[in-house]
N, C-alpha and C. Protein backbone atom coordinates (compact mmCIF):
# COMPACT_ATOMS: atom_id res chain seq x y z
N MET A 1 -70.58 -121.01 -44.88
CA MET A 1 -71.30 -120.65 -46.09
C MET A 1 -72.66 -121.32 -46.05
N SER A 2 -73.69 -120.56 -46.36
CA SER A 2 -75.03 -121.13 -46.34
C SER A 2 -75.24 -122.05 -47.54
N GLU A 3 -76.24 -122.87 -47.44
CA GLU A 3 -76.50 -123.85 -48.50
C GLU A 3 -76.87 -123.17 -49.81
N SER A 4 -77.67 -122.12 -49.75
CA SER A 4 -78.09 -121.45 -50.98
C SER A 4 -76.92 -120.77 -51.67
N THR A 5 -75.98 -120.20 -50.91
CA THR A 5 -74.82 -119.57 -51.52
C THR A 5 -73.88 -120.61 -52.11
N ALA A 6 -73.77 -121.75 -51.45
CA ALA A 6 -72.88 -122.80 -51.95
C ALA A 6 -73.41 -123.40 -53.25
N ARG A 7 -74.69 -123.41 -53.44
CA ARG A 7 -75.28 -123.99 -54.65
C ARG A 7 -75.24 -123.06 -55.84
N GLN A 8 -75.12 -121.77 -55.62
CA GLN A 8 -75.20 -120.83 -56.73
C GLN A 8 -74.09 -119.77 -56.71
N PRO A 9 -72.83 -120.15 -56.52
CA PRO A 9 -71.79 -119.12 -56.46
C PRO A 9 -71.63 -118.37 -57.78
N PHE A 10 -71.85 -119.05 -58.89
CA PHE A 10 -71.72 -118.41 -60.19
C PHE A 10 -72.76 -117.30 -60.35
N GLY A 11 -74.00 -117.65 -60.09
CA GLY A 11 -75.08 -116.71 -60.31
C GLY A 11 -75.08 -115.56 -59.34
N SER A 12 -74.67 -115.79 -58.12
CA SER A 12 -74.76 -114.74 -57.13
C SER A 12 -73.68 -113.67 -57.29
N THR A 13 -72.64 -113.95 -58.05
CA THR A 13 -71.59 -112.95 -58.24
C THR A 13 -71.37 -112.58 -59.70
N VAL A 14 -71.20 -113.56 -60.55
CA VAL A 14 -70.80 -113.28 -61.93
C VAL A 14 -71.94 -112.72 -62.76
N VAL A 15 -73.11 -113.30 -62.66
CA VAL A 15 -74.24 -112.85 -63.48
C VAL A 15 -74.60 -111.39 -63.20
N PRO A 16 -74.76 -110.96 -61.93
CA PRO A 16 -75.04 -109.54 -61.70
C PRO A 16 -73.92 -108.61 -62.16
N ILE A 17 -72.67 -109.05 -62.08
CA ILE A 17 -71.57 -108.20 -62.54
C ILE A 17 -71.62 -108.04 -64.06
N ILE A 18 -71.90 -109.12 -64.77
CA ILE A 18 -72.00 -109.04 -66.23
C ILE A 18 -73.16 -108.13 -66.63
N ILE A 19 -74.29 -108.29 -65.96
CA ILE A 19 -75.44 -107.43 -66.23
C ILE A 19 -75.10 -105.98 -65.94
N ALA A 20 -74.41 -105.72 -64.83
CA ALA A 20 -74.05 -104.35 -64.46
C ALA A 20 -73.10 -103.72 -65.47
N VAL A 21 -72.13 -104.48 -65.95
CA VAL A 21 -71.19 -103.93 -66.94
C VAL A 21 -71.93 -103.54 -68.21
N ILE A 22 -72.79 -104.43 -68.68
CA ILE A 22 -73.52 -104.16 -69.93
C ILE A 22 -74.47 -102.98 -69.77
N LEU A 23 -75.25 -102.97 -68.69
CA LEU A 23 -76.21 -101.89 -68.49
C LEU A 23 -75.53 -100.56 -68.19
N THR A 24 -74.41 -100.58 -67.47
CA THR A 24 -73.68 -99.34 -67.21
C THR A 24 -73.17 -98.73 -68.50
N GLU A 25 -72.58 -99.56 -69.35
CA GLU A 25 -72.09 -99.06 -70.65
C GLU A 25 -73.24 -98.52 -71.49
N ALA A 26 -74.36 -99.24 -71.52
CA ALA A 26 -75.51 -98.79 -72.31
C ALA A 26 -76.08 -97.48 -71.77
N LEU A 27 -76.20 -97.37 -70.45
CA LEU A 27 -76.74 -96.16 -69.84
C LEU A 27 -75.81 -94.97 -70.07
N MET A 28 -74.53 -95.17 -69.85
CA MET A 28 -73.59 -94.06 -70.04
C MET A 28 -73.51 -93.64 -71.51
N TYR A 29 -73.60 -94.60 -72.42
CA TYR A 29 -73.60 -94.26 -73.84
C TYR A 29 -74.85 -93.47 -74.21
N SER A 30 -76.00 -93.89 -73.67
CA SER A 30 -77.24 -93.19 -73.99
C SER A 30 -77.27 -91.78 -73.38
N LEU A 31 -76.55 -91.57 -72.28
CA LEU A 31 -76.48 -90.24 -71.66
C LEU A 31 -75.40 -89.36 -72.29
N GLY A 32 -74.59 -89.94 -73.17
CA GLY A 32 -73.57 -89.17 -73.86
C GLY A 32 -72.24 -89.11 -73.13
N SER A 33 -72.02 -89.98 -72.17
CA SER A 33 -70.76 -89.98 -71.44
C SER A 33 -69.69 -90.70 -72.25
N LYS A 34 -68.57 -90.04 -72.45
CA LYS A 34 -67.48 -90.61 -73.24
C LYS A 34 -66.28 -90.97 -72.35
N TYR A 35 -66.43 -90.94 -71.03
CA TYR A 35 -65.31 -91.16 -70.12
C TYR A 35 -64.95 -92.63 -70.04
N ASN A 36 -63.66 -92.93 -70.22
CA ASN A 36 -63.13 -94.27 -70.07
C ASN A 36 -61.98 -94.20 -69.07
N PRO A 37 -62.15 -94.75 -67.87
CA PRO A 37 -61.11 -94.59 -66.84
C PRO A 37 -59.79 -95.29 -67.20
N LEU A 38 -59.80 -96.22 -68.14
CA LEU A 38 -58.57 -96.92 -68.50
C LEU A 38 -57.73 -96.16 -69.51
N SER A 39 -58.37 -95.41 -70.41
CA SER A 39 -57.59 -94.73 -71.45
C SER A 39 -57.56 -93.21 -71.29
N ASP A 40 -58.55 -92.62 -70.65
CA ASP A 40 -58.58 -91.17 -70.46
C ASP A 40 -57.80 -90.78 -69.21
N ASP A 41 -57.52 -89.47 -69.10
CA ASP A 41 -56.90 -88.97 -67.87
C ASP A 41 -57.85 -89.22 -66.71
N PHE A 42 -57.28 -89.48 -65.53
CA PHE A 42 -58.11 -89.79 -64.36
C PHE A 42 -58.85 -88.55 -63.90
N ASP A 43 -60.16 -88.66 -63.83
CA ASP A 43 -61.02 -87.58 -63.34
C ASP A 43 -61.88 -88.18 -62.23
N ILE A 44 -61.68 -87.73 -61.00
CA ILE A 44 -62.33 -88.33 -59.85
C ILE A 44 -63.85 -88.21 -59.93
N ALA A 45 -64.35 -87.09 -60.42
CA ALA A 45 -65.80 -86.91 -60.50
C ALA A 45 -66.43 -87.91 -61.47
N ASN A 46 -65.87 -88.04 -62.65
CA ASN A 46 -66.40 -89.00 -63.62
C ASN A 46 -66.24 -90.44 -63.14
N PHE A 47 -65.11 -90.72 -62.50
CA PHE A 47 -64.88 -92.06 -61.97
C PHE A 47 -65.91 -92.41 -60.90
N LEU A 48 -66.20 -91.48 -60.00
CA LEU A 48 -67.19 -91.75 -58.95
C LEU A 48 -68.60 -91.90 -59.52
N ILE A 49 -68.91 -91.15 -60.55
CA ILE A 49 -70.21 -91.31 -61.21
C ILE A 49 -70.31 -92.70 -61.84
N ASP A 50 -69.29 -93.10 -62.57
CA ASP A 50 -69.28 -94.43 -63.19
C ASP A 50 -69.36 -95.54 -62.14
N LEU A 51 -68.58 -95.39 -61.08
CA LEU A 51 -68.58 -96.39 -60.01
C LEU A 51 -69.93 -96.46 -59.32
N GLY A 52 -70.53 -95.32 -59.06
CA GLY A 52 -71.84 -95.29 -58.41
C GLY A 52 -72.92 -95.94 -59.26
N VAL A 53 -72.90 -95.65 -60.55
CA VAL A 53 -73.88 -96.27 -61.45
C VAL A 53 -73.66 -97.78 -61.51
N PHE A 54 -72.40 -98.21 -61.61
CA PHE A 54 -72.09 -99.63 -61.67
C PHE A 54 -72.54 -100.35 -60.40
N VAL A 55 -72.21 -99.80 -59.25
CA VAL A 55 -72.57 -100.45 -57.97
C VAL A 55 -74.08 -100.50 -57.81
N THR A 56 -74.77 -99.44 -58.15
CA THR A 56 -76.23 -99.42 -58.04
C THR A 56 -76.86 -100.49 -58.92
N ILE A 57 -76.42 -100.59 -60.15
CA ILE A 57 -76.97 -101.59 -61.06
C ILE A 57 -76.59 -103.00 -60.61
N ALA A 58 -75.35 -103.19 -60.11
CA ALA A 58 -74.92 -104.51 -59.65
C ALA A 58 -75.73 -104.97 -58.44
N VAL A 59 -75.98 -104.08 -57.51
CA VAL A 59 -76.78 -104.43 -56.32
C VAL A 59 -78.21 -104.76 -56.73
N ALA A 60 -78.78 -103.96 -57.61
CA ALA A 60 -80.15 -104.23 -58.07
C ALA A 60 -80.23 -105.56 -58.83
N ALA A 61 -79.24 -105.83 -59.67
CA ALA A 61 -79.23 -107.09 -60.43
C ALA A 61 -79.04 -108.28 -59.51
N SER A 62 -78.20 -108.14 -58.50
CA SER A 62 -77.98 -109.22 -57.54
C SER A 62 -79.25 -109.50 -56.74
N TRP A 63 -79.91 -108.44 -56.30
CA TRP A 63 -81.15 -108.60 -55.54
C TRP A 63 -82.22 -109.27 -56.41
N LEU A 64 -82.34 -108.81 -57.64
CA LEU A 64 -83.34 -109.38 -58.55
C LEU A 64 -83.01 -110.84 -58.85
N TYR A 65 -81.74 -111.16 -59.07
CA TYR A 65 -81.33 -112.53 -59.34
C TYR A 65 -81.66 -113.44 -58.16
N GLN A 66 -81.39 -112.97 -56.95
CA GLN A 66 -81.69 -113.76 -55.75
C GLN A 66 -83.18 -114.01 -55.63
N ARG A 67 -83.99 -113.00 -55.90
CA ARG A 67 -85.45 -113.15 -55.81
C ARG A 67 -85.95 -114.16 -56.85
N VAL A 68 -85.50 -114.06 -58.07
CA VAL A 68 -85.93 -114.97 -59.13
C VAL A 68 -85.46 -116.39 -58.81
N PHE A 69 -84.21 -116.52 -58.33
CA PHE A 69 -83.68 -117.85 -58.00
C PHE A 69 -84.51 -118.49 -56.89
N LYS A 70 -84.87 -117.73 -55.85
CA LYS A 70 -85.69 -118.28 -54.76
C LYS A 70 -87.07 -118.66 -55.27
N LEU A 71 -87.66 -117.85 -56.13
CA LEU A 71 -88.98 -118.14 -56.67
C LEU A 71 -88.95 -119.41 -57.51
N LEU A 72 -87.96 -119.54 -58.38
CA LEU A 72 -87.85 -120.74 -59.22
C LEU A 72 -87.56 -121.97 -58.38
N ARG A 73 -86.74 -121.81 -57.37
CA ARG A 73 -86.41 -122.94 -56.50
C ARG A 73 -87.65 -123.40 -55.73
N ARG A 74 -88.45 -122.45 -55.28
CA ARG A 74 -89.67 -122.78 -54.54
C ARG A 74 -90.65 -123.51 -55.45
N LYS A 75 -90.76 -123.10 -56.70
CA LYS A 75 -91.68 -123.75 -57.65
C LYS A 75 -91.24 -125.18 -57.95
N THR A 76 -89.92 -125.39 -58.11
CA THR A 76 -89.46 -126.75 -58.41
C THR A 76 -89.57 -127.64 -57.19
N THR A 77 -89.45 -127.09 -55.98
CA THR A 77 -89.61 -127.89 -54.76
C THR A 77 -91.07 -128.28 -54.57
N ASN A 78 -91.99 -127.41 -54.91
CA ASN A 78 -93.42 -127.72 -54.76
C ASN A 78 -93.89 -128.79 -55.76
N LYS A 79 -93.24 -128.88 -56.93
CA LYS A 79 -93.64 -129.87 -57.93
C LYS A 79 -93.26 -131.30 -57.51
N GLU A 80 -92.19 -131.41 -56.73
CA GLU A 80 -91.71 -132.75 -56.36
C GLU A 80 -92.50 -133.35 -55.28
């Protein structure tokens, strides 16, 4: 495990997932999607759309979090 991953396991996994869940729900609600894979009948097309949106947002949030974390870390290292 690299040093940067060992120092930020919470942020590198949990924070992007929380952001992805919130943004996926908000986006699907704003688009008028009423599909809930836990309570509705299983529909593969709707499930794949939901999964694709979630994964896309999670990857983008993870990438953005990593960039911000590196930038903040670099700024605090330069101050010392």
